[in-house]
Amino acid sequence: MKKDLRINSKVFSEGAMKAPNRAMLRAVGVTDEDFKKPMIGVASTWSEVTPCNIHIHDLAVSAKKGAREAGGVPFIFNTITVSDGISMGTEGMRYSLPSRDVIADSIETVVGAESLDGLVAIGGCDKNIPGCLIAIANSEVPAVFVYGGTISPGVHNGENIDIVSVFEGVGRHNNGDISDDTLRKIECSACPGAGSCGGMYTANTMASAAEAMGMSLPGSSSNPAVSEAKLKDCAAAGAAVHNLLEQEIYPKDIMTKEAFENAITVVMALGGSTNAVLHLLAIAHSVEVDLTIDDFNKIQKKTPHIADLKPSGKYVMEDLHRAGGVQAVMKVLLEAGYLHGDCMTVTGKTVAENLKDAPGLSEGQQVILPFDKPYREDGPLIVIKGNLSPSGAVAKVSGVKVKRHIGPARVFNTEKEATLAVMANEINEGDVLVIRYVGPKGGPGMPEMLSISAILVGKGMGEKVALITDGRFSGGTHGLVVGHIAPEAQVGGPIALVKEGDLITIDSQEQEISMNVTDAELEERFKEWVAPPLYKKGVLGKYAHNVSCSSKGAVTDYFTS
């Protein structure tokens, strides 16, 4: 007798009291025979507001077909997305991180309210991926995540460019290095079509982490957005959920502590985004895995950075795809002893079983470096602490030659004020640019500082001026930058007490961030400090009053009792 795969079968079981439930579903095409099959949701982040997601409806249709052919009853439903690249440098950037929780909550709501048995979640832009994975963890039904895929690089004067090229172009333009016409040509060429930003920025970082964690099908994270392979990824994901139901494999069986360690290892090896720290902490919280910010440093110390990928390197995700993809990178990492091979995955097999017969890196490829000649001997994402950030801050040091920077604080309470100062050439070599009150609560929303950091790079000051903030940085950011400073200024963290001219030390080797101010002086400053009022209106108001510290993943359901 065939096993009943309906987790919530009692909701639709025979009987007069269940007739209304079934009647509503009959109106959307469900038949008597369908009521005996598992109902599989396909969460789509399709939208026309960003190229990252503009193609995802077709992917959702493909996933629906795969689920149907495998024996399920699939339903597509939608959630939101916002574009970090479009909102960058504007007030709209405050909505970016909160959108992660809106996405997670909305998917969980539909899965729970509709009593769905399984889930395929398809995401593109940065917050889609952690949002989908948080939803999968909280929904507690068998599920697979599918990445919508990376964009192809743009081309300008025979060289590959991307969205970060435009931000840096603004700095070069302000410096008088390029003309109006050249900046416009860069703008018009940077994003040629559908897909998420092309470097090892946040979307590609989190997609790689999802595959390393076992929540995406092997090889799927590096397949380009506009490709037959990506459509096949989605169809296979629909079928994979049905297989997970048959084998009774749940997200908690896959997203273990060891799986998160695999994800962190792959992120370090690829030189991923600082946002991975924030998002992996949040996903771990949702699946009740004890992952802390200090775990990142443990893995950082023993994992080499072996990928020559943007923003600090040369290549983009499409190049990695041609070189063998994330799957091939995982294969070499496993063979070298860096991964836990016994972790379960959405195939119903372990990491080691998936990689056993998988192809390795392509011959002659130059994207992934050998272990004896790494880009960096340890990981490029480091957690640093000190009297300026006792709960921890995050820095990305790949490609940064400066190991220790000591300079006077130039203090700004908004990104706009700091940007105006940079554009007016008021920031000098050696300064430490401090942007505060832009943390999870203070922003509210912990906006990214890609715009100002890229302008500094474009003006040739990427390693001459340090930039520190309780906000975030884009995965496309590079240079001498430190983000996620915690506790944040809004709650009275030490960054709120920094004064103009205070000497600040940033040391990546000692993993230190401190200010040359005594504890006694900090206590006196704190007595005089007054917290700005918290934002109170709408989604940002709800977020400001509920969000946790960035060192806890900036989650909105961190309850201590």
Protein backbone atom coordinates (compact mmCIF):
# COMPACT_ATOMS: atom_id res chain seq x y z
CA MET A 1 0.00 0.00 0.00
CA LYS A 2 1.41 3.39 -0.99
CA LYS A 3 2.42 5.57 1.94
CA ASP A 4 0.23 8.62 2.58
CA LEU A 5 2.42 11.65 1.90
CA ARG A 6 -0.14 14.14 3.19
CA ILE A 7 1.41 15.63 6.31
CA ASN A 8 -1.78 17.59 6.91
CA SER A 9 -4.15 14.97 5.56
CA LYS A 10 -6.64 15.37 8.42
CA VAL A 11 -7.48 18.83 7.14
CA PHE A 12 -8.89 17.36 3.93
CA SER A 13 -10.04 13.92 5.13
CA GLU A 14 -13.48 12.60 4.26
CA GLY A 15 -16.41 13.87 6.30
CA ALA A 16 -19.04 16.55 6.19
CA MET A 17 -17.05 18.98 8.34
CA LYS A 18 -14.20 18.98 5.79
CA ALA A 19 -16.37 19.63 2.76
CA PRO A 20 -15.90 23.45 2.88
CA ASN A 21 -12.10 23.03 2.89
CA ARG A 22 -12.25 20.84 -0.19
CA ALA A 23 -14.83 23.01 -1.96
CA MET A 24 -12.51 26.01 -2.03
CA LEU A 25 -9.71 23.90 -3.49
CA ARG A 26 -11.98 22.38 -6.14
CA ALA A 27 -12.45 25.93 -7.43
CA VAL A 28 -8.72 26.15 -8.19
CA GLY A 29 -8.65 22.79 -9.97
CA VAL A 30 -8.09 20.16 -7.27
CA THR A 31 -9.77 16.81 -7.99
CA ASP A 32 -10.84 13.85 -5.87
CA GLU A 33 -7.63 12.04 -6.81
CA ASP A 34 -5.54 15.11 -5.93
CA PHE A 35 -6.79 15.09 -2.34
CA LYS A 36 -4.81 11.87 -1.86
CA LYS A 37 -1.56 13.52 -2.97
CA PRO A 38 0.81 15.90 -1.16
CA MET A 39 0.14 19.59 -1.72
CA ILE A 40 3.38 21.39 -2.63
CA GLY A 41 3.75 25.15 -2.54
CA VAL A 42 5.99 26.96 -4.99
CA ALA A 43 7.00 30.27 -3.41
CA SER A 44 7.90 32.68 -6.19
CA THR A 45 9.71 35.98 -5.73
CA TRP A 46 8.88 37.07 -9.29
CA SER A 47 8.70 40.82 -9.72
CA GLU A 48 9.32 43.51 -12.32
CA VAL A 49 11.05 45.86 -9.86
CA THR A 50 14.49 44.27 -10.23
CA PRO A 51 16.41 42.31 -12.89
CA CYS A 52 17.29 39.76 -10.19
CA ASN A 53 13.71 38.48 -10.18
CA ILE A 54 12.14 39.46 -13.48
CA HIS A 55 12.51 35.93 -14.92
CA ILE A 56 11.41 33.94 -11.89
CA HIS A 57 7.78 33.34 -12.92
CA ASP A 58 8.95 30.99 -15.68
CA LEU A 59 11.14 29.21 -13.13
CA ALA A 60 8.16 28.79 -10.80
CA VAL A 61 6.12 27.27 -13.63
CA SER A 62 8.96 24.82 -14.25
CA ALA A 63 9.06 23.87 -10.55
CA LYS A 64 5.29 23.39 -10.58
CA LYS A 65 5.59 21.04 -13.55
CA GLY A 66 8.31 19.04 -11.82
CA ALA A 67 6.25 18.68 -8.65
CA ARG A 68 3.15 17.64 -10.61
CA GLU A 69 5.02 15.00 -12.63
CA ALA A 70 6.52 13.59 -9.44
CA GLY A 71 3.06 13.02 -7.98
CA GLY A 72 2.32 16.19 -6.06
CA VAL A 73 -0.36 18.86 -6.33
CA PRO A 74 1.54 22.13 -6.76
CA PHE A 75 0.41 25.71 -6.19
CA ILE A 76 2.38 28.85 -7.05
CA PHE A 77 2.12 31.78 -4.66
CA ASN A 78 4.10 34.99 -4.53
CA THR A 79 5.99 37.09 -2.05
CA ILE A 80 7.80 40.43 -2.31
CA THR A 81 11.27 41.46 -3.31
CA VAL A 82 13.13 44.78 -3.27
CA SER A 83 16.30 45.71 -5.11
CA ASP A 84 19.30 46.64 -2.99
CA GLY A 85 21.07 48.07 -6.02
CA ILE A 86 18.19 50.40 -6.86
CA SER A 87 17.65 51.55 -3.27
CA MET A 88 21.37 51.93 -2.47
CA GLY A 89 22.32 55.36 -1.17
CA THR A 90 18.67 56.38 -0.71
CA GLU A 91 16.22 56.27 2.20
CA GLY A 92 14.76 53.20 0.51
CA MET A 93 17.81 51.17 1.56
CA ARG A 94 16.35 51.03 5.07
CA TYR A 95 13.72 48.60 3.76
CA SER A 96 16.22 46.09 2.39
CA LEU A 97 17.05 44.03 5.48
CA PRO A 98 13.49 44.19 6.88
CA SER A 99 12.33 42.71 3.56
CA ARG A 100 14.15 39.49 4.52
CA ASP A 101 11.76 39.04 7.42
CA VAL A 102 8.72 40.11 5.41
CA ILE A 103 9.60 37.45 2.82
CA ALA A 104 10.15 34.79 5.49
CA ASP A 105 6.96 35.62 7.37
CA SER A 106 4.81 35.74 4.24
CA ILE A 107 6.00 32.36 2.95
CA GLU A 108 5.59 30.72 6.36
CA THR A 109 2.11 32.25 6.60
CA VAL A 110 0.95 30.71 3.31
CA VAL A 111 2.47 27.30 4.04
CA GLY A 112 0.84 27.23 7.47
CA ALA A 113 -2.54 28.68 6.52
CA GLU A 114 -2.94 26.49 3.43
CA SER A 115 -1.69 23.33 5.21
CA LEU A 116 0.88 22.68 2.49
CA ASP A 117 2.93 19.49 2.76
CA GLY A 118 6.10 20.61 0.99
CA LEU A 119 7.72 23.69 -0.47
CA VAL A 120 9.92 24.86 -3.32
CA ALA A 121 11.15 28.40 -2.68
CA ILE A 122 12.74 30.35 -5.55
CA GLY A 123 14.70 33.51 -4.83
CA GLY A 124 16.93 35.95 -6.66
CA CYS A 125 17.94 39.24 -5.01
CA ASP A 126 19.96 39.36 -1.80
CA LYS A 127 17.25 39.10 0.86
CA ASN A 128 15.21 36.48 -1.02
CA ILE A 129 17.65 33.69 -0.21
CA PRO A 130 17.90 34.04 3.58
CA GLY A 131 14.21 34.98 3.65
CA CYS A 132 13.28 31.76 1.88
CA LEU A 133 15.56 29.66 4.07
CA ILE A 134 14.20 31.20 7.28
CA ALA A 135 10.68 30.45 6.03
CA ILE A 136 11.65 26.86 5.22
CA ALA A 137 13.03 26.41 8.74
CA ASN A 138 9.97 27.92 10.42
CA SER A 139 7.47 26.10 8.19
CA GLU A 140 8.98 22.72 9.11
CA VAL A 141 7.87 20.93 5.93
CA PRO A 142 10.17 19.15 3.43
CA ALA A 143 11.55 21.84 1.16
CA VAL A 144 14.12 22.81 -1.47
CA PHE A 145 15.53 26.25 -2.22
CA VAL A 146 16.31 27.23 -5.82
CA TYR A 147 18.43 30.25 -6.70
CA GLY A 148 17.15 32.28 -9.63
CA GLY A 149 20.70 32.57 -10.95
CA THR A 150 23.36 35.13 -11.73
CA ILE A 151 23.28 37.85 -14.37
CA SER A 152 25.74 37.86 -17.26
CA PRO A 153 28.44 40.52 -17.01
CA GLY A 154 28.11 43.77 -18.92
CA VAL A 155 30.85 44.89 -21.29
CA HIS A 156 32.45 48.33 -21.60
CA ASN A 157 35.51 48.97 -23.77
CA GLY A 158 36.08 45.23 -24.05
CA GLU A 159 36.10 44.65 -20.28
CA ASN A 160 33.49 42.95 -18.12
CA ILE A 161 31.68 45.29 -15.76
CA ASP A 162 28.79 45.08 -13.29
CA ILE A 163 26.67 47.27 -11.03
CA VAL A 164 29.61 47.99 -8.70
CA SER A 165 31.44 49.46 -11.70
CA VAL A 166 28.74 52.13 -11.83
CA PHE A 167 29.05 53.05 -8.15
CA GLU A 168 32.83 53.27 -8.47
CA GLY A 169 32.33 55.24 -11.68
CA VAL A 170 30.55 57.93 -9.66
CA GLY A 171 33.67 58.34 -7.54
CA ARG A 172 35.91 58.45 -10.61
CA HIS A 173 33.59 61.02 -12.18
CA ASN A 174 33.63 63.16 -9.03
CA ASN A 175 37.42 62.95 -9.08
CA GLY A 176 37.45 64.20 -12.67
CA ASP A 177 38.89 60.95 -14.01
CA ILE A 178 36.02 60.15 -16.43
CA SER A 179 33.55 62.25 -18.40
CA ASP A 180 29.76 62.45 -18.21
CA ASP A 181 29.55 60.44 -21.41
CA THR A 182 31.81 57.65 -20.11
CA LEU A 183 29.83 57.37 -16.87
CA ARG A 184 26.60 57.11 -18.87
CA LYS A 185 28.08 54.38 -21.09
CA ILE A 186 29.11 52.42 -17.99
CA GLU A 187 25.60 52.88 -16.58
CA CYS A 188 23.96 51.67 -19.77
CA SER A 189 26.18 48.60 -20.09
CA ALA A 190 26.48 47.30 -16.54
CA CYS A 191 23.31 45.20 -16.27
CA PRO A 192 22.49 43.47 -19.58
CA GLY A 193 19.51 41.36 -18.49
CA ALA A 194 17.90 39.09 -15.90
CA GLY A 195 19.72 37.69 -12.91
CA SER A 196 21.35 38.71 -9.66
CA CYS A 197 24.53 40.82 -9.42
CA GLY A 198 27.40 38.93 -11.02
CA GLY A 199 30.33 39.00 -8.57
CA MET A 200 30.66 37.06 -5.34
CA TYR A 201 28.30 39.58 -3.82
CA THR A 202 25.51 38.80 -1.36
CA ALA A 203 23.09 36.94 -3.67
CA ASN A 204 25.75 34.65 -5.14
CA THR A 205 27.33 34.23 -1.71
CA MET A 206 24.08 33.12 -0.10
CA ALA A 207 23.18 30.90 -3.06
CA SER A 208 26.55 29.18 -2.68
CA ALA A 209 25.97 28.85 1.07
CA ALA A 210 22.54 27.29 0.46
CA GLU A 211 24.06 24.64 -1.80
CA ALA A 212 26.90 24.00 0.64
CA MET A 213 24.34 23.63 3.42
CA GLY A 214 22.51 20.99 1.41
CA MET A 215 19.31 23.00 0.91
CA SER A 216 19.76 23.41 -2.88
CA LEU A 217 20.32 20.72 -5.46
CA PRO A 218 23.98 20.04 -6.31
CA GLY A 219 25.32 22.34 -9.02
CA SER A 220 22.29 24.59 -9.05
CA SER A 221 23.64 27.70 -7.32
CA SER A 222 26.07 28.65 -10.07
CA ASN A 223 23.83 28.00 -13.08
CA PRO A 224 23.14 31.35 -14.83
CA ALA A 225 19.70 32.96 -14.64
CA VAL A 226 19.06 32.83 -18.37
CA SER A 227 19.86 29.21 -19.16
CA GLU A 228 18.18 25.91 -19.85
CA ALA A 229 20.05 24.54 -16.84
CA LYS A 230 18.22 26.93 -14.52
CA LEU A 231 14.80 25.79 -15.78
CA LYS A 232 15.92 22.20 -15.21
CA ASP A 233 17.05 23.11 -11.68
CA CYS A 234 13.51 24.19 -10.86
CA ALA A 235 11.80 21.15 -12.37
CA ALA A 236 14.19 18.90 -10.48
CA ALA A 237 13.50 20.81 -7.25
CA GLY A 238 9.77 20.14 -7.60
CA ALA A 239 10.47 16.43 -7.92
CA ALA A 240 13.03 16.54 -5.09
CA VAL A 241 10.44 17.81 -2.60
CA HIS A 242 8.24 14.80 -3.36
CA ASN A 243 11.25 12.55 -2.72
CA LEU A 244 11.91 14.30 0.60
CA LEU A 245 8.30 13.64 1.60
CA GLU A 246 8.69 9.97 0.76
CA GLN A 247 11.88 9.72 2.79
CA GLU A 248 10.52 11.93 5.59
CA ILE A 249 13.50 14.29 5.49
CA TYR A 250 12.82 17.69 7.04
CA PRO A 251 14.79 20.96 7.04
CA LYS A 252 16.03 20.30 10.58
CA ASP A 253 17.59 17.05 9.31
CA ILE A 254 19.62 19.01 6.75
CA MET A 255 20.35 22.35 8.41
CA THR A 256 22.54 21.04 11.24
CA LYS A 257 25.49 22.74 12.94
CA GLU A 258 27.85 20.82 10.65
CA ALA A 259 25.87 21.97 7.60
CA PHE A 260 26.29 25.59 8.68
CA GLU A 261 30.01 24.97 9.12
CA ASN A 262 30.08 23.69 5.52
CA ALA A 263 28.30 26.84 4.38
CA ILE A 264 30.74 29.11 6.22
CA THR A 265 33.69 27.18 4.80
CA VAL A 266 32.46 27.61 1.22
CA VAL A 267 31.78 31.32 1.82
CA MET A 268 35.31 31.79 3.15
CA ALA A 269 36.85 29.84 0.26
CA LEU A 270 34.94 31.89 -2.31
CA GLY A 271 35.56 35.26 -0.63
CA GLY A 272 31.87 35.92 -0.01
CA SER A 273 29.90 38.85 1.34
CA THR A 274 30.02 40.14 4.92
CA ASN A 275 26.23 39.79 4.87
CA ALA A 276 26.71 36.01 5.05
CA VAL A 277 27.51 36.42 8.75
CA LEU A 278 24.25 38.23 9.41
CA HIS A 279 22.10 35.87 7.33
CA LEU A 280 23.61 32.56 8.41
CA LEU A 281 23.15 33.58 12.06
CA ALA A 282 19.50 34.38 11.32
CA ILE A 283 18.85 31.11 9.48
CA ALA A 284 20.54 29.14 12.28
CA HIS A 285 18.33 30.90 14.82
CA SER A 286 15.21 29.90 12.89
CA VAL A 287 16.22 26.22 12.83
CA GLU A 288 17.40 26.33 16.46
CA VAL A 289 21.07 25.62 15.71
CA ASP A 290 23.55 27.08 18.17
CA LEU A 291 25.65 29.15 15.78
CA THR A 292 27.44 32.23 17.13
CA ILE A 293 29.41 35.06 15.59
CA ASP A 294 32.59 33.56 17.09
CA ASP A 295 32.12 30.36 15.05
CA PHE A 296 32.99 32.35 11.93
CA ASN A 297 36.47 33.16 13.22
CA LYS A 298 37.12 29.52 14.09
CA ILE A 299 36.46 28.51 10.48
CA GLN A 300 38.14 31.63 9.06
CA LYS A 301 41.44 30.70 10.65
CA LYS A 302 41.63 27.32 8.91
CA THR A 303 39.97 27.95 5.53
CA PRO A 304 41.98 29.37 2.62
CA HIS A 305 40.50 31.92 0.24
CA ILE A 306 40.96 30.24 -3.14
CA ALA A 307 38.63 32.13 -5.50
CA ASP A 308 39.69 35.02 -7.73
CA LEU A 309 36.21 36.55 -7.79
CA LYS A 310 34.89 40.10 -7.69
CA PRO A 311 34.77 42.43 -5.82
CA SER A 312 38.39 41.91 -4.78
CA GLY A 313 39.28 39.57 -7.66
CA LYS A 314 38.85 39.37 -11.42
CA TYR A 315 36.06 36.94 -12.25
CA VAL A 316 32.28 36.70 -11.85
CA MET A 317 29.84 33.89 -11.02
CA GLU A 318 29.31 33.03 -14.68
CA ASP A 319 33.05 32.36 -14.94
CA LEU A 320 32.84 30.10 -11.89
CA HIS A 321 29.97 28.26 -13.59
CA ARG A 322 32.16 27.58 -16.61
CA ALA A 323 34.99 26.46 -14.32
CA GLY A 324 32.80 23.79 -12.73
CA GLY A 325 30.61 25.75 -10.36
CA VAL A 326 30.14 25.64 -6.61
CA GLN A 327 29.77 21.85 -6.80
CA ALA A 328 33.32 21.51 -8.14
CA VAL A 329 34.63 23.86 -5.45
CA MET A 330 32.91 21.73 -2.80
CA LYS A 331 34.47 18.62 -4.32
CA VAL A 332 38.02 19.96 -3.94
CA LEU A 333 37.24 21.24 -0.44
CA LEU A 334 35.85 17.86 0.60
CA GLU A 335 38.83 16.00 -0.84
CA ALA A 336 41.15 18.34 1.10
CA GLY A 337 39.28 17.67 4.35
CA TYR A 338 37.55 21.04 4.76
CA LEU A 339 33.91 19.85 4.62
CA HIS A 340 31.71 17.50 6.64
CA GLY A 341 30.87 14.84 4.04
CA ASP A 342 28.24 13.06 6.12
CA CYS A 343 25.71 15.93 6.14
CA MET A 344 22.29 15.12 4.66
CA THR A 345 21.09 17.14 1.64
CA VAL A 346 17.87 17.71 -0.30
CA THR A 347 18.76 14.87 -2.67
CA GLY A 348 18.24 12.42 0.18
CA LYS A 349 21.96 11.67 -0.03
CA THR A 350 24.93 13.04 1.89
CA VAL A 351 27.35 15.70 0.69
CA ALA A 352 29.98 13.03 0.07
CA GLU A 353 27.55 10.85 -1.88
CA ASN A 354 26.50 13.80 -4.06
CA LEU A 355 30.11 14.74 -4.82
CA LYS A 356 31.51 11.24 -5.34
CA ASP A 357 30.87 11.13 -9.10
CA ALA A 358 30.48 14.88 -9.67
CA PRO A 359 32.88 16.49 -12.17
CA GLY A 360 35.79 18.47 -10.77
CA LEU A 361 37.13 21.84 -11.84
CA SER A 362 37.54 22.22 -15.59
CA GLU A 363 41.03 21.85 -17.01
CA GLY A 364 42.87 25.13 -17.42
CA GLN A 365 40.39 27.19 -15.40
CA GLN A 366 41.82 30.17 -13.52
CA VAL A 367 38.95 31.16 -11.23
CA ILE A 368 39.81 28.76 -8.39
CA LEU A 369 43.42 28.79 -7.24
CA PRO A 370 45.34 25.76 -5.92
CA PHE A 371 45.63 25.30 -2.16
CA ASP A 372 49.38 25.86 -2.28
CA LYS A 373 48.91 29.25 -3.98
CA PRO A 374 45.71 30.65 -2.42
CA TYR A 375 44.42 34.17 -2.80
CA ARG A 376 44.82 34.29 0.98
CA GLU A 377 45.94 31.56 3.38
CA ASP A 378 42.95 32.07 5.67
CA GLY A 379 39.41 33.30 5.16
CA PRO A 380 38.72 36.92 4.17
CA LEU A 381 35.74 37.50 6.50
CA ILE A 382 36.82 38.29 10.04
CA VAL A 383 34.96 39.16 13.22
CA ILE A 384 36.81 41.85 15.18
CA LYS A 385 36.20 43.10 18.71
CA GLY A 386 37.41 45.76 21.11
CA ASN A 387 36.13 48.66 23.19
CA LEU A 388 34.49 50.10 20.07
CA SER A 389 32.59 46.89 19.29
CA PRO A 390 32.47 44.50 22.27
CA SER A 391 29.81 42.28 20.65
CA GLY A 392 31.72 42.04 17.40
CA ALA A 393 32.01 43.73 14.01
CA VAL A 394 32.63 42.22 10.57
CA ALA A 395 35.36 43.11 8.09
CA LYS A 396 36.20 41.72 4.67
CA VAL A 397 39.94 41.86 4.15
CA SER A 398 40.38 40.12 0.79
CA GLY A 399 42.59 42.23 -1.42
CA VAL A 400 43.21 44.78 1.35
CA LYS A 401 46.93 45.38 1.80
CA VAL A 402 46.57 47.54 4.92
CA LYS A 403 46.67 45.31 8.00
CA ARG A 404 46.61 48.05 10.63
CA HIS A 405 45.12 51.53 10.40
CA ILE A 406 45.19 54.19 13.12
CA GLY A 407 43.53 57.48 12.42
CA PRO A 408 41.28 60.27 13.73
CA ALA A 409 37.54 59.74 13.77
CA ARG A 410 35.42 61.80 11.38
CA VAL A 411 31.96 61.32 12.82
CA PHE A 412 28.63 61.43 10.95
CA ASN A 413 25.16 60.40 12.09
CA THR A 414 23.86 59.81 8.56
CA GLU A 415 25.24 58.34 5.35
CA LYS A 416 24.09 61.40 3.42
CA GLU A 417 26.20 63.79 5.55
CA ALA A 418 29.24 61.53 5.19
CA THR A 419 28.79 61.23 1.42
CA LEU A 420 28.56 64.99 1.00
CA ALA A 421 31.81 65.36 2.96
CA VAL A 422 33.57 62.81 0.76
CA MET A 423 32.30 64.40 -2.45
CA ALA A 424 33.42 67.82 -1.19
CA ASN A 425 36.95 66.42 -0.54
CA GLU A 426 36.66 67.13 3.19
CA ILE A 427 37.89 63.64 4.18
CA ASN A 428 41.66 63.25 4.30
CA GLU A 429 44.07 60.37 3.90
CA GLY A 430 44.39 58.50 7.20
CA ASP A 431 40.93 59.46 8.51
CA VAL A 432 38.48 56.95 9.97
CA LEU A 433 35.05 57.76 8.61
CA VAL A 434 32.40 56.83 11.21
CA ILE A 435 28.77 56.47 10.12
CA ARG A 436 26.48 55.63 13.03
CA TYR A 437 22.81 55.43 14.00
CA VAL A 438 22.28 53.25 10.92
CA GLY A 439 22.11 49.88 12.68
CA PRO A 440 19.11 47.52 12.78
CA LYS A 441 17.18 49.73 15.20
CA GLY A 442 18.81 53.06 14.44
CA GLY A 443 18.46 53.04 10.63
CA PRO A 444 16.03 51.59 11.10
CA GLY A 445 16.85 48.66 8.86
CA MET A 446 20.67 48.57 8.89
CA PRO A 447 21.19 50.03 5.38
CA GLU A 448 24.21 49.13 3.25
CA MET A 449 26.99 51.62 2.61
CA LEU A 450 28.02 50.50 -0.90
CA SER A 451 27.47 53.93 -2.41
CA ILE A 452 29.91 55.82 -0.18
CA SER A 453 32.46 52.97 -0.03
CA ALA A 454 32.47 52.68 -3.83
CA ILE A 455 32.88 56.44 -4.17
CA LEU A 456 35.94 56.25 -1.90
CA VAL A 457 37.39 53.48 -4.09
CA GLY A 458 36.60 55.46 -7.23
CA LYS A 459 38.41 58.48 -5.77
CA GLY A 460 41.47 56.34 -5.05
CA MET A 461 40.93 56.36 -1.27
CA GLY A 462 39.73 52.78 -0.76
CA GLU A 463 42.69 51.90 1.47
CA LYS A 464 43.72 55.41 2.51
CA VAL A 465 40.54 56.11 4.47
CA ALA A 466 38.89 53.59 6.80
CA LEU A 467 35.09 53.42 6.89
CA ILE A 468 33.35 51.95 9.93
CA THR A 469 29.63 51.73 10.69
CA ASP A 470 26.92 50.00 12.69
CA GLY A 471 25.19 49.59 9.33
CA ARG A 472 26.08 47.02 6.67
CA PHE A 473 28.09 46.82 3.49
CA SER A 474 27.07 45.35 0.17
CA GLY A 475 28.70 42.15 -1.00
CA GLY A 476 30.12 44.37 -3.73
CA THR A 477 32.01 46.53 -1.23
CA HIS A 478 35.77 46.31 -0.97
CA GLY A 479 38.39 48.43 0.68
CA LEU A 480 39.23 49.26 4.29
CA VAL A 481 35.74 48.91 5.74
CA VAL A 482 34.23 47.49 8.95
CA GLY A 483 30.48 47.01 9.41
CA HIS A 484 27.96 45.43 11.79
CA ILE A 485 29.55 47.25 14.77
CA ALA A 486 27.66 46.03 17.81
CA PRO A 487 26.10 47.07 20.03
CA GLU A 488 24.80 49.75 17.68
CA ALA A 489 24.66 53.47 18.46
CA GLN A 490 20.88 53.50 18.87
CA VAL A 491 21.08 51.35 22.03
CA GLY A 492 24.08 53.18 23.48
CA GLY A 493 26.86 51.06 22.02
CA PRO A 494 30.36 52.56 22.23
CA ILE A 495 30.15 53.80 18.62
CA ALA A 496 27.57 56.32 19.89
CA LEU A 497 30.23 57.76 22.20
CA VAL A 498 32.95 58.38 19.59
CA LYS A 499 33.90 62.04 19.23
CA GLU A 500 35.51 63.88 16.34
CA GLY A 501 39.26 63.36 16.46
CA ASP A 502 39.30 60.27 18.72
CA LEU A 503 42.07 57.95 17.54
CA ILE A 504 40.66 54.66 16.23
CA THR A 505 42.66 51.49 15.65
CA ILE A 506 41.64 48.80 13.18
CA ASP A 507 43.88 45.74 13.13
CA SER A 508 42.87 42.80 10.95
CA GLN A 509 45.67 40.53 12.16
CA GLU A 510 44.93 41.09 15.85
CA GLN A 511 41.20 41.21 15.02
CA GLU A 512 40.84 44.42 16.99
CA ILE A 513 38.75 47.56 16.65
CA SER A 514 39.21 50.09 19.42
CA MET A 515 39.33 53.77 20.26
CA ASN A 516 42.00 55.47 22.34
CA VAL A 517 39.52 56.46 25.06
CA THR A 518 39.65 55.22 28.66
CA ASP A 519 36.84 53.26 30.28
CA ALA A 520 36.35 56.12 32.73
CA GLU A 521 35.95 58.63 29.91
CA LEU A 522 33.49 56.35 28.11
CA GLU A 523 31.42 56.09 31.31
CA GLU A 524 31.28 59.89 31.57
CA ARG A 525 30.27 60.20 27.90
CA PHE A 526 27.56 57.57 28.38
CA LYS A 527 26.04 59.56 31.25
CA GLU A 528 25.58 62.50 28.88
CA TRP A 529 24.31 60.40 25.98
CA VAL A 530 20.61 60.52 25.08
CA ALA A 531 19.06 57.88 22.82
CA PRO A 532 17.30 59.25 19.74
CA PRO A 533 13.62 58.32 19.56
CA LEU A 534 12.89 55.00 17.86
CA TYR A 535 11.05 55.09 14.55
CA LYS A 536 7.40 54.19 15.18
CA LYS A 537 5.52 54.05 11.88
CA GLY A 538 4.68 51.11 9.62
CA VAL A 539 7.00 48.25 8.77
CA LEU A 540 10.15 50.15 9.77
CA GLY A 541 8.59 51.01 13.13
CA LYS A 542 7.68 47.39 13.79
CA TYR A 543 11.18 46.38 12.76
CA ALA A 544 12.92 48.96 14.95
CA HIS A 545 11.02 47.85 18.05
CA ASN A 546 11.49 44.10 17.49
CA VAL A 547 14.85 43.54 15.79
CA SER A 548 17.76 42.02 17.69
CA CYS A 549 21.43 43.01 17.66
CA SER A 550 23.34 42.36 14.43
CA SER A 551 25.61 39.97 16.36
CA LYS A 552 22.49 37.80 16.79
CA GLY A 553 21.58 38.00 13.10
CA ALA A 554 19.21 41.00 13.33
CA VAL A 555 16.23 38.67 13.75
CA THR A 556 12.77 39.84 14.75
CA ASP A 557 11.84 36.85 16.91
CA TYR A 558 14.72 36.75 19.37
CA PHE A 559 12.84 36.21 22.62
CA THR A 560 14.79 35.73 25.84
CA SER A 561 11.84 34.48 27.88
